[in-house]
Protein backbone atom coordinates (compact mmCIF):
# COMPACT_ATOMS: atom_id res chain seq x y z
CA UNK A 1 -23.11 -25.13 -22.73
CA UNK A 2 -23.11 -28.78 -21.75
CA UNK A 3 -21.54 -29.88 -18.46
CA UNK A 4 -18.37 -30.97 -20.28
CA UNK A 5 -18.16 -27.70 -22.24
CA UNK A 6 -18.49 -25.76 -18.98
CA UNK A 7 -15.62 -27.82 -17.54
CA UNK A 8 -13.36 -27.00 -20.51
CA UNK A 9 -14.51 -23.39 -20.61
CA UNK A 10 -13.52 -22.91 -16.94
CA UNK A 11 -10.06 -24.23 -17.74
CA UNK A 12 -9.79 -21.81 -20.70
CA UNK A 13 -10.97 -18.91 -18.52
CA UNK A 14 -8.37 -19.72 -15.85
CA UNK A 15 -5.44 -20.20 -18.23
CA UNK A 16 -6.15 -17.02 -20.20
CA UNK A 17 -6.71 -14.85 -17.11
CA UNK A 18 -3.75 -16.11 -15.13
CA UNK A 19 -1.54 -14.75 -17.91
CA UNK A 20 1.32 -17.22 -17.54
CA UNK A 21 0.85 -19.04 -20.86
CA UNK A 22 0.86 -17.99 -24.51
CA UNK A 23 -2.27 -18.61 -26.60
CA UNK A 24 -0.43 -21.44 -28.41
CA UNK A 25 0.37 -23.12 -25.09
CA UNK A 26 -3.23 -22.72 -23.91
CA UNK A 27 -4.54 -24.23 -27.17
CA UNK A 28 -2.18 -27.19 -26.73
CA UNK A 29 -3.24 -27.68 -23.10
CA UNK A 30 -6.94 -27.50 -23.90
CA UNK A 31 -6.72 -30.00 -26.77
CA UNK A 32 -4.86 -32.33 -24.42
CA UNK A 33 -7.52 -31.84 -21.75
CA UNK A 34 -10.32 -32.60 -24.24
CA UNK A 35 -8.51 -35.76 -25.30
CA UNK A 36 -7.63 -36.90 -21.76
CA UNK A 37 -11.25 -36.50 -20.66
CA UNK A 38 -12.53 -38.22 -23.82
CA UNK A 39 -14.63 -35.20 -24.80
CA UNK A 40 -13.47 -35.16 -28.45
CA UNK A 41 -16.80 -36.43 -29.81
CA UNK A 42 -18.62 -33.61 -28.08
CA UNK A 43 -16.17 -30.67 -28.08
CA UNK A 44 -14.49 -29.60 -31.32
CA UNK A 45 -11.09 -27.95 -31.68
CA UNK A 46 -12.88 -25.07 -33.42
CA UNK A 47 -15.22 -24.49 -30.44
CA UNK A 48 -12.29 -24.56 -27.98
CA UNK A 49 -10.12 -22.19 -30.05
CA UNK A 50 -13.05 -19.76 -30.50
CA UNK A 51 -13.57 -19.67 -26.73
CA UNK A 52 -9.83 -19.09 -26.13
CA UNK A 53 -9.85 -16.16 -28.59
CA UNK A 54 -13.05 -14.71 -27.07
CA UNK A 55 -11.67 -14.84 -23.52
CA UNK A 56 -8.37 -13.32 -24.61
CA UNK A 57 -10.09 -10.45 -26.47
CA UNK A 58 -12.32 -9.83 -23.44
CA UNK A 59 -9.25 -9.63 -21.20
CA UNK A 60 -7.45 -7.25 -23.59
CA UNK A 61 -10.50 -4.96 -23.61
CA UNK A 62 -10.71 -5.04 -19.80
CA UNK A 63 -6.99 -4.34 -19.44
CA UNK A 64 -7.45 -0.91 -21.05
CA UNK A 65 -9.41 0.08 -17.91
CA UNK A 66 -6.87 -1.26 -15.39
CA UNK A 67 -5.38 1.35 -13.09
CA UNK A 68 -1.65 1.12 -12.49
CA UNK A 69 -0.26 -0.12 -10.21
CA UNK A 70 -2.62 -3.10 -10.33
CA UNK A 71 -2.89 -5.51 -7.40
CA UNK A 72 -0.66 -7.86 -9.39
CA UNK A 73 2.03 -5.20 -9.88
CA UNK A 74 1.96 -4.36 -6.17
CA UNK A 75 2.25 -8.03 -5.27
CA UNK A 76 5.27 -8.43 -7.55
CA UNK A 77 6.88 -5.44 -5.82
CA UNK A 78 6.06 -6.89 -2.38
CA UNK A 79 7.56 -10.28 -3.28
CA UNK A 80 10.73 -8.57 -4.58
CA UNK A 81 11.00 -6.70 -1.27
CA UNK A 82 10.57 -9.96 0.64
CA UNK A 83 13.47 -11.39 -1.37
CA UNK A 84 15.54 -8.39 -0.25
CA UNK A 85 14.56 -9.27 3.33
CA UNK A 86 15.85 -12.83 2.85
CA UNK A 87 12.42 -14.40 2.44
CA UNK A 88 11.92 -16.71 -0.56
CA UNK A 89 8.72 -15.42 -2.24
CA UNK A 90 7.43 -17.48 -5.18
CA UNK A 91 4.70 -16.68 -7.70
CA UNK A 92 2.30 -19.39 -8.89
CA UNK A 93 4.30 -22.17 -7.24
CA UNK A 94 2.71 -25.40 -8.46
CA UNK A 95 -0.93 -26.39 -8.23
CA UNK A 96 -1.24 -27.18 -4.50
CA UNK A 97 0.44 -26.27 -1.21
CA UNK A 98 2.53 -29.46 -1.41
CA UNK A 99 3.74 -28.43 -4.90
CA UNK A 100 4.63 -24.98 -3.57
CA UNK A 101 6.62 -26.46 -0.70
CA UNK A 102 8.54 -28.62 -3.17
CA UNK A 103 9.42 -25.55 -5.28
CA UNK A 104 10.60 -23.70 -2.17
CA UNK A 105 12.90 -26.57 -1.16
CA UNK A 106 14.45 -26.50 -4.65
CA UNK A 107 15.11 -22.75 -4.34
CA UNK A 108 16.50 -23.21 -0.81
CA UNK A 109 18.88 -25.88 -2.10
CA UNK A 110 20.19 -23.46 -4.74
CA UNK A 111 20.59 -20.74 -2.11
CA UNK A 112 22.58 -23.07 0.12
CA UNK A 113 24.84 -23.97 -2.80
CA UNK A 114 25.60 -20.22 -2.81
CA UNK A 115 26.13 -20.25 0.98
CA UNK A 116 22.88 -18.42 1.74
CA UNK A 117 20.12 -19.65 4.02
CA UNK A 118 16.73 -17.97 3.85
CA UNK A 119 14.86 -16.75 6.92
CA UNK A 120 11.61 -18.21 5.59
CA UNK A 121 9.40 -18.41 2.55
CA UNK A 122 5.98 -17.54 1.18
CA UNK A 123 4.08 -18.39 -1.99
CA UNK A 124 0.69 -18.73 -3.63
CA UNK A 125 -0.16 -21.61 -5.95
CA UNK A 126 -2.44 -22.08 -8.93
CA UNK A 127 -5.52 -22.96 -6.87
CA UNK A 128 -5.00 -19.75 -4.90
CA UNK A 129 -4.69 -17.86 -8.16
CA UNK A 130 -8.00 -19.30 -9.38
CA UNK A 131 -9.69 -17.46 -6.47
CA UNK A 132 -7.95 -14.21 -7.42
CA UNK A 133 -9.33 -14.27 -10.98
CA UNK A 134 -12.89 -15.00 -9.81
CA UNK A 135 -15.34 -12.37 -11.04
CA UNK A 136 -17.08 -12.17 -7.65
CA UNK A 137 -15.35 -11.89 -4.26
CA UNK A 138 -11.78 -12.44 -5.47
CA UNK A 139 -9.05 -12.95 -2.87
CA UNK A 140 -5.54 -14.35 -2.63
CA UNK A 141 -4.12 -16.63 0.06
CA UNK A 142 -0.40 -16.61 0.83
CA UNK A 143 1.28 -19.58 2.52
CA UNK A 144 4.37 -19.00 4.69
CA UNK A 145 6.86 -21.05 6.71
CA UNK A 146 10.59 -21.71 7.05
CA UNK A 147 12.23 -24.75 5.46
CA UNK A 148 12.85 -27.61 7.92
CA UNK A 149 11.07 -25.80 10.73
CA UNK A 150 8.47 -27.14 13.16
CA UNK A 151 8.60 -24.31 15.69
CA UNK A 152 5.40 -22.24 15.61
CA UNK A 153 7.13 -19.13 16.99
CA UNK A 154 9.57 -19.15 14.05
CA UNK A 155 6.70 -19.63 11.58
CA UNK A 156 4.80 -16.72 13.11
CA UNK A 157 7.86 -14.46 12.80
CA UNK A 158 7.96 -15.25 9.06
CA UNK A 159 4.22 -14.51 8.83
CA UNK A 160 4.76 -11.13 10.52
CA UNK A 161 7.44 -10.13 8.00
CA UNK A 162 5.24 -11.17 5.06
CA UNK A 163 2.20 -9.39 6.54
CA UNK A 164 4.17 -6.19 7.16
CA UNK A 165 5.54 -6.05 3.61
CA UNK A 166 2.07 -6.65 2.17
CA UNK A 167 0.57 -3.90 4.35
CA UNK A 168 3.40 -1.54 3.33
CA UNK A 169 2.35 -2.17 -0.28
CA UNK A 170 -1.20 -0.99 0.51
CA UNK A 171 -2.83 -4.40 0.87
CA UNK A 172 -5.47 -5.00 3.50
CA UNK A 173 -4.90 -8.45 4.97
CA UNK A 174 -6.77 -10.94 7.11
CA UNK A 175 -4.55 -13.06 9.37
CA UNK A 176 -5.13 -14.17 12.94
CA UNK A 177 -1.42 -14.31 13.77
CA UNK A 178 -1.43 -18.11 13.84
CA UNK A 179 1.24 -20.40 12.40
CA UNK A 180 -1.54 -22.61 11.01
CA UNK A 181 -3.43 -19.97 9.00
CA UNK A 182 -2.53 -18.54 5.61
CA UNK A 183 -2.52 -14.78 5.11
CA UNK A 184 -5.52 -13.67 3.05
CA UNK A 185 -5.63 -10.57 0.86
CA UNK A 186 -9.40 -10.04 0.51
CA UNK A 187 -10.59 -8.28 -2.65
CA UNK A 188 -7.28 -9.05 -4.41
CA UNK A 189 -7.89 -8.92 -8.15
CA UNK A 190 -5.31 -10.63 -10.37
CA UNK A 191 -4.75 -8.59 -13.54
CA UNK A 192 -2.18 -9.92 -15.98
CA UNK A 193 -1.97 -10.56 -19.71
CA UNK A 194 0.62 -12.93 -21.15
CA UNK A 195 3.52 -11.02 -22.68
CA UNK A 196 6.48 -13.02 -23.95
CA UNK A 197 8.75 -9.99 -23.50
CA UNK A 198 7.74 -9.40 -19.89
CA UNK A 199 9.54 -10.77 -16.87
CA UNK A 200 8.87 -14.47 -16.23
CA UNK A 201 7.49 -14.56 -12.69
CA UNK A 202 8.06 -18.31 -12.56
CA UNK A 203 11.77 -18.04 -13.26
CA UNK A 204 12.81 -18.81 -9.70
CA UNK A 205 16.50 -18.45 -10.56
CA UNK A 206 15.75 -14.69 -10.45
CA UNK A 207 14.69 -15.13 -6.81
CA UNK A 208 17.96 -16.92 -6.07
CA UNK A 209 20.00 -14.21 -7.82
CA UNK A 210 18.25 -11.47 -5.87
CA UNK A 211 18.90 -13.20 -2.53
CA UNK A 212 22.50 -14.16 -3.27
CA UNK A 213 23.67 -10.65 -4.20
């Protein structure tokens, strides 16, 4: 593969394995990426679509060996439990930490419209997720904080709640107890295949509904 093909292939690999997009959406994204990067002379639509199909078939074959509950299923359960404990917990919140914080503020605004104020929040974003689908040494980092808070002691309390719920869901974690450090789940392996009938983890109105009940 050329350098540019490797670049596009990595994007295909990530989008297929994250499991948030349909094959049609991935094809659309990849064609756009090829165009935006001016790779069209070098990378054909046929090559890209073949690679998307190959990666998807590989993932389907692997999924037959997955043991339930997967790390992903346990994380979903942990995030639901955090919602029950009045912590906003968002899946795949944007591409960066700043994006994730923006998503949290939007959810908090909706909560406050329903006369609820959260005790804190946590999330992972797409760059975090890219580490969790890595073939070697996968891991997942979870950010945490409370909206409009600058007090480290408050932040640490949120971190403790998140850490405890993760541990209760059989995750080993690495966290030094600091307000400045994300919680790491070493060895976390993201296992998800897109399913249009499955729950949409990025439907944050579900998080609001759970916390408003």
